[in-house]
N, C-alpha and C. Protein backbone atom coordinates (compact mmCIF):
# COMPACT_ATOMS: atom_id res chain seq x y z
N UNK A 1 98.96 139.78 103.57
CA UNK A 1 98.67 138.67 102.67
C UNK A 1 97.91 137.59 103.43
N UNK A 2 96.92 137.01 102.78
CA UNK A 2 96.12 135.95 103.40
C UNK A 2 96.76 134.60 103.08
N UNK A 3 97.23 133.92 104.13
CA UNK A 3 97.99 132.68 103.97
C UNK A 3 97.29 131.55 104.72
N UNK A 4 97.26 130.38 104.09
CA UNK A 4 96.78 129.17 104.74
C UNK A 4 97.99 128.26 104.91
N UNK A 5 98.28 127.90 106.15
CA UNK A 5 99.45 127.08 106.48
C UNK A 5 98.95 125.71 106.92
N UNK A 6 99.25 124.69 106.12
CA UNK A 6 98.80 123.32 106.40
C UNK A 6 99.91 122.57 107.13
N UNK A 7 99.62 122.09 108.34
CA UNK A 7 100.63 121.34 109.08
C UNK A 7 100.00 120.56 110.22
N UNK A 8 100.66 119.45 110.58
CA UNK A 8 100.26 118.64 111.74
C UNK A 8 101.44 118.44 112.67
N UNK A 9 102.40 119.37 112.65
CA UNK A 9 103.65 119.17 113.37
C UNK A 9 104.05 120.46 114.09
N UNK A 10 104.60 120.30 115.29
CA UNK A 10 105.05 121.46 116.08
C UNK A 10 106.16 122.25 115.41
N UNK A 11 106.85 121.65 114.42
CA UNK A 11 107.92 122.35 113.71
C UNK A 11 107.42 123.61 113.02
N UNK A 12 106.12 123.70 112.81
CA UNK A 12 105.55 124.82 112.06
C UNK A 12 105.49 126.12 112.89
N UNK A 13 105.67 126.00 114.20
CA UNK A 13 105.46 127.14 115.10
C UNK A 13 106.30 128.38 114.74
N UNK A 14 107.59 128.19 114.52
CA UNK A 14 108.45 129.35 114.23
C UNK A 14 108.07 130.01 112.91
N UNK A 15 107.69 129.20 111.92
CA UNK A 15 107.27 129.75 110.63
C UNK A 15 105.96 130.52 110.77
N UNK A 16 105.01 129.93 111.48
CA UNK A 16 103.72 130.59 111.71
C UNK A 16 103.92 131.95 112.39
N UNK A 17 104.71 131.95 113.46
CA UNK A 17 104.95 133.20 114.20
C UNK A 17 105.64 134.25 113.33
N UNK A 18 106.59 133.82 112.51
CA UNK A 18 107.30 134.74 111.62
C UNK A 18 106.36 135.35 110.59
N UNK A 19 105.51 134.51 109.99
CA UNK A 19 104.55 135.01 108.99
C UNK A 19 103.58 136.01 109.60
N UNK A 20 103.14 135.74 110.83
CA UNK A 20 102.23 136.67 111.52
C UNK A 20 102.95 137.98 111.83
N UNK A 21 104.19 137.89 112.32
CA UNK A 21 104.99 139.09 112.62
C UNK A 21 105.19 139.96 111.39
N UNK A 22 105.23 139.32 110.21
CA UNK A 22 105.41 140.07 108.95
C UNK A 22 104.11 140.75 108.52
N UNK A 23 103.06 140.61 109.34
CA UNK A 23 101.80 141.30 109.05
C UNK A 23 100.82 140.52 108.20
N UNK A 24 101.06 139.22 108.04
CA UNK A 24 100.16 138.39 107.24
C UNK A 24 98.99 137.89 108.08
N UNK A 25 97.89 137.63 107.41
CA UNK A 25 96.71 137.01 108.02
C UNK A 25 96.86 135.50 107.79
N UNK A 26 97.29 134.76 108.83
CA UNK A 26 97.65 133.34 108.66
C UNK A 26 96.63 132.43 109.34
N UNK A 27 96.09 131.50 108.57
CA UNK A 27 95.23 130.45 109.11
C UNK A 27 96.04 129.17 109.18
N UNK A 28 96.25 128.65 110.39
CA UNK A 28 96.95 127.38 110.58
C UNK A 28 95.89 126.28 110.54
N UNK A 29 96.03 125.35 109.60
CA UNK A 29 94.99 124.35 109.37
C UNK A 29 95.57 122.94 109.50
N UNK A 30 94.90 122.10 110.32
CA UNK A 30 95.42 120.75 110.63
C UNK A 30 94.62 119.62 109.98
N UNK A 31 93.40 119.89 109.53
CA UNK A 31 92.51 118.85 109.03
C UNK A 31 92.66 118.66 107.52
N UNK A 32 92.02 117.63 106.95
CA UNK A 32 92.08 117.47 105.50
C UNK A 32 91.46 118.70 104.80
N UNK A 33 92.18 119.25 103.86
CA UNK A 33 91.73 120.45 103.16
C UNK A 33 90.76 120.08 102.04
N UNK A 34 89.71 120.87 101.91
CA UNK A 34 88.71 120.65 100.85
C UNK A 34 88.52 121.94 100.05
N UNK A 35 87.88 121.81 98.91
CA UNK A 35 87.58 122.98 98.08
C UNK A 35 86.70 123.96 98.86
N UNK A 36 85.77 123.42 99.64
CA UNK A 36 84.87 124.27 100.43
C UNK A 36 85.65 125.12 101.44
N UNK A 37 86.63 124.51 102.09
CA UNK A 37 87.47 125.23 103.06
C UNK A 37 88.29 126.30 102.35
N UNK A 38 88.84 125.95 101.19
CA UNK A 38 89.61 126.92 100.40
C UNK A 38 88.73 128.11 100.02
N UNK A 39 87.52 127.82 99.57
CA UNK A 39 86.61 128.90 99.17
C UNK A 39 86.22 129.78 100.36
N UNK A 40 86.07 129.16 101.53
CA UNK A 40 85.69 129.92 102.73
C UNK A 40 86.83 130.83 103.20
N UNK A 41 88.05 130.29 103.23
CA UNK A 41 89.20 131.07 103.71
C UNK A 41 89.74 132.00 102.63
N UNK A 42 89.67 131.54 101.37
CA UNK A 42 90.10 132.33 100.21
C UNK A 42 91.54 132.85 100.36
N UNK A 43 92.51 131.93 100.56
CA UNK A 43 93.89 132.37 100.75
C UNK A 43 94.54 132.82 99.44
N UNK A 44 95.53 133.70 99.57
CA UNK A 44 96.31 134.10 98.40
C UNK A 44 97.40 133.08 98.12
N UNK A 45 97.86 132.42 99.18
CA UNK A 45 98.87 131.36 99.04
C UNK A 45 98.63 130.30 100.11
N UNK A 46 98.83 129.05 99.75
CA UNK A 46 98.73 127.92 100.68
C UNK A 46 100.11 127.28 100.77
N UNK A 47 100.58 127.09 102.01
CA UNK A 47 101.88 126.48 102.25
C UNK A 47 101.65 125.18 103.02
N UNK A 48 102.11 124.08 102.45
CA UNK A 48 102.03 122.78 103.10
C UNK A 48 103.41 122.45 103.68
N UNK A 49 103.43 122.16 104.99
CA UNK A 49 104.70 121.87 105.66
C UNK A 49 104.46 120.86 106.77
N UNK A 50 105.02 119.65 106.62
CA UNK A 50 104.79 118.56 107.57
C UNK A 50 103.28 118.32 107.75
N UNK A 51 102.60 118.22 106.63
CA UNK A 51 101.16 118.02 106.60
C UNK A 51 100.88 116.56 106.29
N UNK A 52 100.12 115.88 107.15
CA UNK A 52 99.97 114.42 107.03
C UNK A 52 98.97 113.97 105.97
N UNK A 53 98.19 114.89 105.43
CA UNK A 53 97.17 114.49 104.45
C UNK A 53 97.62 114.78 103.02
N UNK A 54 97.19 113.92 102.09
CA UNK A 54 97.44 114.18 100.69
C UNK A 54 96.41 115.19 100.21
N UNK A 55 96.88 116.27 99.59
CA UNK A 55 95.98 117.30 99.07
C UNK A 55 95.37 116.76 97.77
N UNK A 56 94.04 116.74 97.72
CA UNK A 56 93.35 116.14 96.59
C UNK A 56 93.41 117.04 95.36
N UNK A 57 93.23 116.38 94.22
CA UNK A 57 93.40 117.05 92.93
C UNK A 57 92.44 118.23 92.74
N UNK A 58 91.20 118.10 93.25
CA UNK A 58 90.26 119.21 93.07
C UNK A 58 90.71 120.47 93.82
N UNK A 59 91.37 120.27 94.97
CA UNK A 59 91.90 121.40 95.74
C UNK A 59 93.08 122.02 95.00
N UNK A 60 93.97 121.16 94.48
CA UNK A 60 95.13 121.64 93.73
C UNK A 60 94.67 122.43 92.50
N UNK A 61 93.67 121.90 91.81
CA UNK A 61 93.14 122.59 90.62
C UNK A 61 92.54 123.94 90.98
N UNK A 62 91.86 124.02 92.12
CA UNK A 62 91.24 125.27 92.55
C UNK A 62 92.32 126.32 92.89
N UNK A 63 93.40 125.86 93.52
CA UNK A 63 94.45 126.79 93.96
C UNK A 63 95.45 127.13 92.86
N UNK A 64 95.57 126.26 91.86
CA UNK A 64 96.49 126.52 90.75
C UNK A 64 97.93 126.67 91.23
N UNK A 65 98.56 127.79 90.85
CA UNK A 65 99.96 127.98 91.19
C UNK A 65 100.17 128.62 92.56
N UNK A 66 99.12 128.71 93.36
CA UNK A 66 99.26 129.36 94.67
C UNK A 66 99.35 128.37 95.84
N UNK A 67 99.71 127.12 95.55
CA UNK A 67 99.93 126.16 96.63
C UNK A 67 101.34 125.58 96.49
N UNK A 68 102.10 125.65 97.59
CA UNK A 68 103.47 125.16 97.59
C UNK A 68 103.67 124.17 98.73
N UNK A 69 104.73 123.39 98.61
CA UNK A 69 105.05 122.40 99.65
C UNK A 69 106.51 122.57 100.08
N UNK A 70 106.75 122.41 101.37
CA UNK A 70 108.10 122.44 101.93
C UNK A 70 108.46 121.00 102.31
N UNK A 71 109.51 120.46 101.68
CA UNK A 71 109.87 119.06 101.89
C UNK A 71 111.33 118.96 102.31
N UNK A 72 111.60 118.22 103.38
CA UNK A 72 112.96 118.15 103.93
C UNK A 72 113.79 117.06 103.25
N UNK A 73 113.85 117.16 101.92
CA UNK A 73 114.78 116.32 101.16
C UNK A 73 115.24 117.12 99.95
N UNK A 74 116.28 116.63 99.31
CA UNK A 74 116.81 117.27 98.11
C UNK A 74 116.15 116.58 96.92
N UNK A 75 114.96 117.05 96.58
CA UNK A 75 114.19 116.41 95.50
C UNK A 75 114.97 116.42 94.19
N UNK A 76 114.83 115.33 93.40
CA UNK A 76 113.80 114.29 93.47
C UNK A 76 114.11 113.14 94.43
N UNK A 77 115.15 113.27 95.25
CA UNK A 77 115.49 112.20 96.16
C UNK A 77 114.58 112.20 97.39
N UNK A 78 114.19 111.02 97.80
CA UNK A 78 113.46 110.79 99.07
C UNK A 78 112.13 111.51 99.17
N UNK A 79 111.34 111.36 98.11
CA UNK A 79 109.95 111.80 98.16
C UNK A 79 109.23 110.90 99.17
N UNK A 80 108.14 111.42 99.74
CA UNK A 80 107.33 110.59 100.63
C UNK A 80 107.78 110.64 102.08
N UNK A 81 107.67 109.51 102.76
CA UNK A 81 107.86 109.43 104.21
C UNK A 81 109.33 109.32 104.62
N UNK A 82 109.64 109.86 105.79
CA UNK A 82 110.95 109.73 106.44
C UNK A 82 112.14 110.06 105.53
N UNK A 83 112.11 111.22 104.86
CA UNK A 83 113.20 111.52 103.92
C UNK A 83 114.58 111.57 104.57
N UNK A 84 114.65 112.03 105.81
CA UNK A 84 115.94 112.12 106.50
C UNK A 84 116.56 110.73 106.66
N UNK A 85 115.76 109.80 107.15
CA UNK A 85 116.25 108.44 107.37
C UNK A 85 116.72 107.81 106.06
N UNK A 86 115.90 107.94 105.01
CA UNK A 86 116.25 107.30 103.74
C UNK A 86 117.49 107.92 103.10
N UNK A 87 117.71 109.21 103.31
CA UNK A 87 118.89 109.84 102.71
C UNK A 87 120.18 109.22 103.25
N UNK A 88 120.15 108.78 104.50
CA UNK A 88 121.33 108.13 105.08
C UNK A 88 121.35 106.63 104.77
N UNK A 89 120.21 106.01 104.81
CA UNK A 89 120.13 104.57 104.52
C UNK A 89 120.61 104.29 103.09
N UNK A 90 120.21 105.15 102.15
CA UNK A 90 120.53 104.94 100.73
C UNK A 90 121.71 105.77 100.23
N UNK A 91 122.31 106.59 101.12
CA UNK A 91 123.41 107.48 100.72
C UNK A 91 123.04 108.34 99.51
N UNK A 92 121.91 109.00 99.62
CA UNK A 92 121.46 109.91 98.56
C UNK A 92 121.66 111.35 99.01
N UNK A 93 121.56 112.32 98.09
CA UNK A 93 121.75 113.72 98.47
C UNK A 93 120.79 114.15 99.58
N UNK A 94 121.29 115.03 100.46
CA UNK A 94 120.50 115.54 101.58
C UNK A 94 120.25 117.03 101.35
N UNK A 95 119.11 117.50 101.79
CA UNK A 95 118.82 118.92 101.63
C UNK A 95 117.36 119.22 101.86
N UNK A 96 116.96 120.40 101.41
CA UNK A 96 115.57 120.85 101.59
C UNK A 96 115.08 121.47 100.28
N UNK A 97 113.78 121.34 100.04
CA UNK A 97 113.20 121.79 98.79
C UNK A 97 111.84 122.46 99.02
N UNK A 98 111.64 123.59 98.37
CA UNK A 98 110.31 124.21 98.31
C UNK A 98 109.86 124.08 96.86
N UNK A 99 108.68 123.47 96.68
CA UNK A 99 108.23 123.20 95.32
C UNK A 99 106.73 123.44 95.18
N UNK A 100 106.29 123.58 93.95
CA UNK A 100 104.87 123.67 93.66
C UNK A 100 104.22 122.35 94.04
N UNK A 101 103.06 122.42 94.65
CA UNK A 101 102.36 121.20 94.99
C UNK A 101 101.53 120.78 93.78
N UNK A 102 101.77 119.56 93.33
CA UNK A 102 101.05 119.01 92.19
C UNK A 102 100.42 117.69 92.59
N UNK A 103 99.76 117.05 91.63
CA UNK A 103 98.99 115.83 91.89
C UNK A 103 99.83 114.71 92.51
N UNK A 104 101.02 114.42 91.99
CA UNK A 104 101.86 113.35 92.53
C UNK A 104 102.53 113.77 93.83
N UNK A 105 102.90 112.82 94.65
CA UNK A 105 103.50 113.11 95.95
C UNK A 105 104.93 113.64 95.79
N UNK A 106 105.15 114.88 96.20
CA UNK A 106 106.47 115.54 96.13
C UNK A 106 107.04 115.55 94.72
N UNK A 107 106.17 115.68 93.73
CA UNK A 107 106.61 115.63 92.33
C UNK A 107 106.65 117.00 91.66
N UNK A 108 106.15 118.02 92.31
CA UNK A 108 106.01 119.34 91.68
C UNK A 108 107.32 119.99 91.29
N UNK A 109 107.22 120.96 90.40
CA UNK A 109 108.41 121.69 89.96
C UNK A 109 109.02 122.47 91.12
N UNK A 110 110.34 122.56 91.10
CA UNK A 110 111.10 123.16 92.19
C UNK A 110 111.14 124.68 92.08
N UNK A 111 110.83 125.33 93.21
CA UNK A 111 110.96 126.78 93.31
C UNK A 111 112.37 127.11 93.76
N UNK A 112 112.79 126.47 94.84
CA UNK A 112 114.15 126.69 95.36
C UNK A 112 114.53 125.49 96.24
N UNK A 113 115.81 125.17 96.27
CA UNK A 113 116.27 124.08 97.13
C UNK A 113 117.71 124.34 97.55
N UNK A 114 118.11 123.63 98.60
CA UNK A 114 119.46 123.78 99.14
C UNK A 114 119.98 122.41 99.54
N UNK A 115 121.18 122.09 99.08
CA UNK A 115 121.80 120.82 99.44
C UNK A 115 122.59 121.01 100.74
N UNK A 116 122.57 120.00 101.59
CA UNK A 116 123.25 120.06 102.89
C UNK A 116 124.16 118.85 103.06
N UNK A 117 125.14 118.98 103.93
CA UNK A 117 125.98 117.83 104.26
C UNK A 117 126.11 117.75 105.78
N UNK A 118 126.35 116.56 106.28
CA UNK A 118 126.43 116.32 107.72
C UNK A 118 127.64 115.46 108.06
N UNK A 119 128.23 115.70 109.21
CA UNK A 119 129.31 114.86 109.72
C UNK A 119 128.67 113.64 110.37
N UNK A 120 128.79 112.50 109.73
CA UNK A 120 128.08 111.30 110.17
C UNK A 120 128.64 110.70 111.44
N UNK A 121 129.83 111.11 111.84
CA UNK A 121 130.39 110.63 113.10
C UNK A 121 129.82 111.38 114.30
N UNK A 122 129.37 112.60 114.06
CA UNK A 122 128.88 113.47 115.15
C UNK A 122 127.36 113.61 115.14
N UNK A 123 126.81 113.83 113.94
CA UNK A 123 125.37 114.09 113.83
C UNK A 123 124.56 112.83 114.10
N UNK A 124 123.34 113.04 114.62
CA UNK A 124 122.40 111.95 114.88
C UNK A 124 121.18 112.11 113.98
N UNK A 125 120.31 111.12 113.97
CA UNK A 125 119.06 111.27 113.21
C UNK A 125 118.24 112.43 113.77
N UNK A 126 118.28 112.59 115.08
CA UNK A 126 117.54 113.67 115.73
C UNK A 126 118.11 115.04 115.36
N UNK A 127 119.45 115.18 115.42
CA UNK A 127 120.06 116.48 115.12
C UNK A 127 119.92 116.85 113.64
N UNK A 128 120.02 115.85 112.76
CA UNK A 128 119.88 116.15 111.33
C UNK A 128 118.43 116.50 111.00
N UNK A 129 117.49 115.84 111.65
CA UNK A 129 116.07 116.17 111.45
C UNK A 129 115.81 117.62 111.85
N UNK A 130 116.34 118.02 113.00
CA UNK A 130 116.17 119.41 113.47
C UNK A 130 116.82 120.40 112.51
N UNK A 131 118.02 120.07 112.04
CA UNK A 131 118.72 120.99 111.13
C UNK A 131 118.00 121.12 109.80
N UNK A 132 117.46 120.02 109.29
CA UNK A 132 116.70 120.08 108.04
C UNK A 132 115.49 120.99 108.19
N UNK A 133 114.80 120.86 109.31
CA UNK A 133 113.63 121.71 109.54
C UNK A 133 114.01 123.17 109.73
N UNK A 134 115.11 123.43 110.43
CA UNK A 134 115.60 124.81 110.57
C UNK A 134 115.95 125.40 109.20
N UNK A 135 116.62 124.60 108.38
CA UNK A 135 117.07 125.08 107.07
C UNK A 135 115.92 125.35 106.12
N UNK A 136 114.87 124.52 106.16
CA UNK A 136 113.77 124.75 105.22
C UNK A 136 112.96 125.98 105.62
N UNK A 137 112.82 126.21 106.92
CA UNK A 137 112.13 127.42 107.37
C UNK A 137 112.96 128.65 106.99
N UNK A 138 114.26 128.57 107.20
CA UNK A 138 115.16 129.67 106.83
C UNK A 138 115.11 129.93 105.32
N UNK A 139 115.06 128.86 104.53
CA UNK A 139 115.01 128.99 103.07
C UNK A 139 113.75 129.75 102.64
N UNK A 140 112.63 129.43 103.28
CA UNK A 140 111.39 130.15 102.94
C UNK A 140 111.48 131.60 103.40
N UNK A 141 111.94 131.83 104.62
CA UNK A 141 112.04 133.20 105.14
C UNK A 141 112.94 134.08 104.27
N UNK A 142 114.11 133.53 103.92
CA UNK A 142 115.09 134.30 103.15
C UNK A 142 114.64 134.58 101.72
N UNK A 143 113.68 133.80 101.24
CA UNK A 143 113.20 133.96 99.87
C UNK A 143 111.71 134.28 99.80
N UNK A 144 111.18 134.80 100.91
CA UNK A 144 109.75 135.02 101.02
C UNK A 144 109.21 136.00 99.98
N UNK A 145 109.93 137.07 99.73
CA UNK A 145 109.45 138.07 98.76
C UNK A 145 109.27 137.43 97.39
N UNK A 146 110.26 136.65 96.98
CA UNK A 146 110.20 135.96 95.69
C UNK A 146 109.06 134.93 95.66
N UNK A 147 108.98 134.14 96.74
CA UNK A 147 107.97 133.07 96.80
C UNK A 147 106.56 133.63 96.86
N UNK A 148 106.34 134.61 97.74
CA UNK A 148 104.98 135.15 97.93
C UNK A 148 104.49 135.92 96.71
N UNK A 149 105.42 136.51 95.95
CA UNK A 149 105.02 137.27 94.76
C UNK A 149 104.87 136.37 93.54
N UNK A 150 105.38 135.13 93.63
CA UNK A 150 105.34 134.23 92.48
C UNK A 150 106.39 134.59 91.45
N UNK A 151 107.33 135.45 91.82
CA UNK A 151 108.36 135.93 90.90
C UNK A 151 109.58 135.01 90.91
N UNK A 152 109.40 133.80 90.42
CA UNK A 152 110.47 132.82 90.39
C UNK A 152 110.38 131.99 89.12
N UNK A 153 111.47 131.32 88.80
CA UNK A 153 111.51 130.43 87.65
C UNK A 153 111.48 129.00 88.16
N UNK A 154 110.49 128.25 87.73
CA UNK A 154 110.35 126.86 88.16
C UNK A 154 111.37 125.98 87.46
N UNK A 155 111.84 124.97 88.18
CA UNK A 155 112.82 124.04 87.64
C UNK A 155 112.26 122.63 87.74
N UNK A 156 112.38 121.86 86.67
CA UNK A 156 111.93 120.47 86.70
C UNK A 156 112.80 119.66 87.65
N UNK A 157 112.20 118.67 88.29
CA UNK A 157 112.99 117.72 89.07
C UNK A 157 113.74 116.83 88.08
N UNK A 158 115.04 116.75 88.25
CA UNK A 158 115.86 116.01 87.29
C UNK A 158 116.23 114.63 87.80
N UNK A 159 116.06 113.64 86.95
CA UNK A 159 116.40 112.26 87.31
C UNK A 159 115.24 111.56 87.99
N UNK A 160 115.40 110.27 88.18
CA UNK A 160 114.34 109.44 88.76
C UNK A 160 114.15 109.71 90.26
N UNK A 161 115.26 109.91 90.99
CA UNK A 161 115.17 110.12 92.42
C UNK A 161 114.70 108.87 93.14
N UNK A 162 113.99 109.06 94.25
CA UNK A 162 113.49 107.93 95.03
C UNK A 162 112.23 108.32 95.79
N UNK A 163 111.46 107.31 96.15
CA UNK A 163 110.20 107.51 96.86
C UNK A 163 110.03 106.39 97.88
N UNK A 164 109.54 106.76 99.08
CA UNK A 164 109.37 105.75 100.14
C UNK A 164 108.06 105.96 100.89
N UNK A 165 107.44 104.84 101.23
CA UNK A 165 106.25 104.84 102.08
C UNK A 165 106.67 104.50 103.51
N UNK A 166 105.80 104.77 104.46
CA UNK A 166 106.04 104.39 105.86
C UNK A 166 106.26 102.88 105.95
N UNK A 167 105.49 102.12 105.17
CA UNK A 167 105.58 100.66 105.21
C UNK A 167 106.94 100.14 104.73
N UNK A 168 107.65 100.91 103.88
CA UNK A 168 108.97 100.49 103.41
C UNK A 168 109.96 100.38 104.57
N UNK A 169 109.91 101.37 105.45
CA UNK A 169 110.81 101.36 106.61
C UNK A 169 110.41 100.26 107.60
N UNK A 170 109.11 100.10 107.80
CA UNK A 170 108.62 99.04 108.70
C UNK A 170 109.08 97.67 108.22
N UNK A 171 109.10 97.47 106.90
CA UNK A 171 109.51 96.19 106.33
C UNK A 171 110.98 95.90 106.60
N UNK A 172 111.81 96.93 106.59
CA UNK A 172 113.24 96.75 106.87
C UNK A 172 113.48 96.52 108.36
N UNK A 173 112.79 97.30 109.20
CA UNK A 173 113.02 97.23 110.65
C UNK A 173 112.52 95.94 111.27
N UNK A 174 111.48 95.33 110.70
CA UNK A 174 110.93 94.06 111.20
C UNK A 174 110.66 94.12 112.70
N UNK A 175 110.02 95.18 113.15
CA UNK A 175 109.64 95.30 114.55
C UNK A 175 110.67 95.96 115.44
N UNK A 176 111.88 96.18 114.94
CA UNK A 176 112.91 96.88 115.73
C UNK A 176 112.63 98.37 115.73
N UNK A 177 113.17 99.06 116.72
CA UNK A 177 112.96 100.50 116.84
C UNK A 177 114.27 101.25 116.67
N UNK A 178 114.18 102.40 116.03
CA UNK A 178 115.36 103.24 115.80
C UNK A 178 115.59 104.13 117.02
N UNK A 179 116.83 104.20 117.45
CA UNK A 179 117.23 105.14 118.50
C UNK A 179 117.73 106.40 117.78
N UNK A 180 116.93 107.47 117.85
CA UNK A 180 117.23 108.68 117.09
C UNK A 180 118.42 109.46 117.65
N UNK A 181 118.93 109.01 118.80
CA UNK A 181 120.10 109.68 119.37
C UNK A 181 121.41 109.01 118.93
N UNK A 182 121.33 107.90 118.21
CA UNK A 182 122.57 107.27 117.73
C UNK A 182 123.16 108.11 116.60
N UNK A 183 124.47 108.05 116.46
CA UNK A 183 125.11 108.79 115.38
C UNK A 183 124.66 108.21 114.04
N UNK A 184 124.81 108.98 112.98
CA UNK A 184 124.45 108.49 111.66
C UNK A 184 125.28 107.25 111.32
N UNK A 185 126.54 107.26 111.69
CA UNK A 185 127.41 106.10 111.45
C UNK A 185 126.83 104.87 112.15
N UNK A 186 126.42 105.03 113.40
CA UNK A 186 125.82 103.91 114.14
C UNK A 186 124.49 103.48 113.51
N UNK A 187 123.71 104.45 113.05
CA UNK A 187 122.44 104.14 112.40
C UNK A 187 122.67 103.29 111.14
N UNK A 188 123.66 103.66 110.36
CA UNK A 188 123.94 102.91 109.12
C UNK A 188 124.31 101.47 109.44
N UNK A 189 125.06 101.26 110.50
CA UNK A 189 125.42 99.92 110.92
C UNK A 189 124.18 99.16 111.41
N UNK A 190 123.34 99.85 112.17
CA UNK A 190 122.09 99.27 112.69
C UNK A 190 121.17 98.85 111.55
N UNK A 191 120.98 99.73 110.58
CA UNK A 191 120.03 99.45 109.47
C UNK A 191 120.58 98.37 108.56
N UNK A 192 121.90 98.31 108.40
CA UNK A 192 122.53 97.25 107.59
C UNK A 192 122.28 95.89 108.28
N UNK A 193 122.35 95.86 109.60
CA UNK A 193 122.08 94.65 110.36
C UNK A 193 120.65 94.19 110.20
N UNK A 194 119.72 95.14 110.14
CA UNK A 194 118.30 94.79 109.94
C UNK A 194 118.08 94.13 108.58
N UNK A 195 118.79 94.63 107.57
CA UNK A 195 118.63 94.09 106.22
C UNK A 195 119.17 92.68 106.11
N UNK A 196 120.23 92.40 106.87
CA UNK A 196 120.89 91.10 106.75
C UNK A 196 120.14 89.99 107.46
N UNK A 197 119.26 90.34 108.38
CA UNK A 197 118.53 89.31 109.13
C UNK A 197 117.45 88.65 108.29
């Protein structure tokens, strides 16, 4: 199968290697995707995972139902930037979601998702980030036949959920820096202190 994997993050390595081992022809792409690039590569499926660019509407229209996104949140919660951080800051559901990529940011219909829970006394922002990425790659691998064949039933995102920009976190932190090795419990105390100042 001809696959285009969009990513700007080292987390993609294990997924890329797995897809290649399965005998797929995989193009790992880091730059902004255009219709011309899609036409040149002519992928059967495009997977966006930790990709820093917004995929434009003309590209989405060209690819139709053959472009999906892997997002490390339990959609519709924590669309956009830093979903792991916001899930703890706002006490919203945590998990991973694979969904159709549509015009709005992280708004597409859900293919499959998994809810997760963490021990906030032990887990850190760093460890939960790693676990979310491990789980979303595992979710795609374990359901690859269904996903690659398009043999799935799409589910609407239910409820309003939440959305955050990078600037939202910067506004709360006011120049302070997060220590990703602190426990989630410590992080919640730290972020509450930032809000009160």
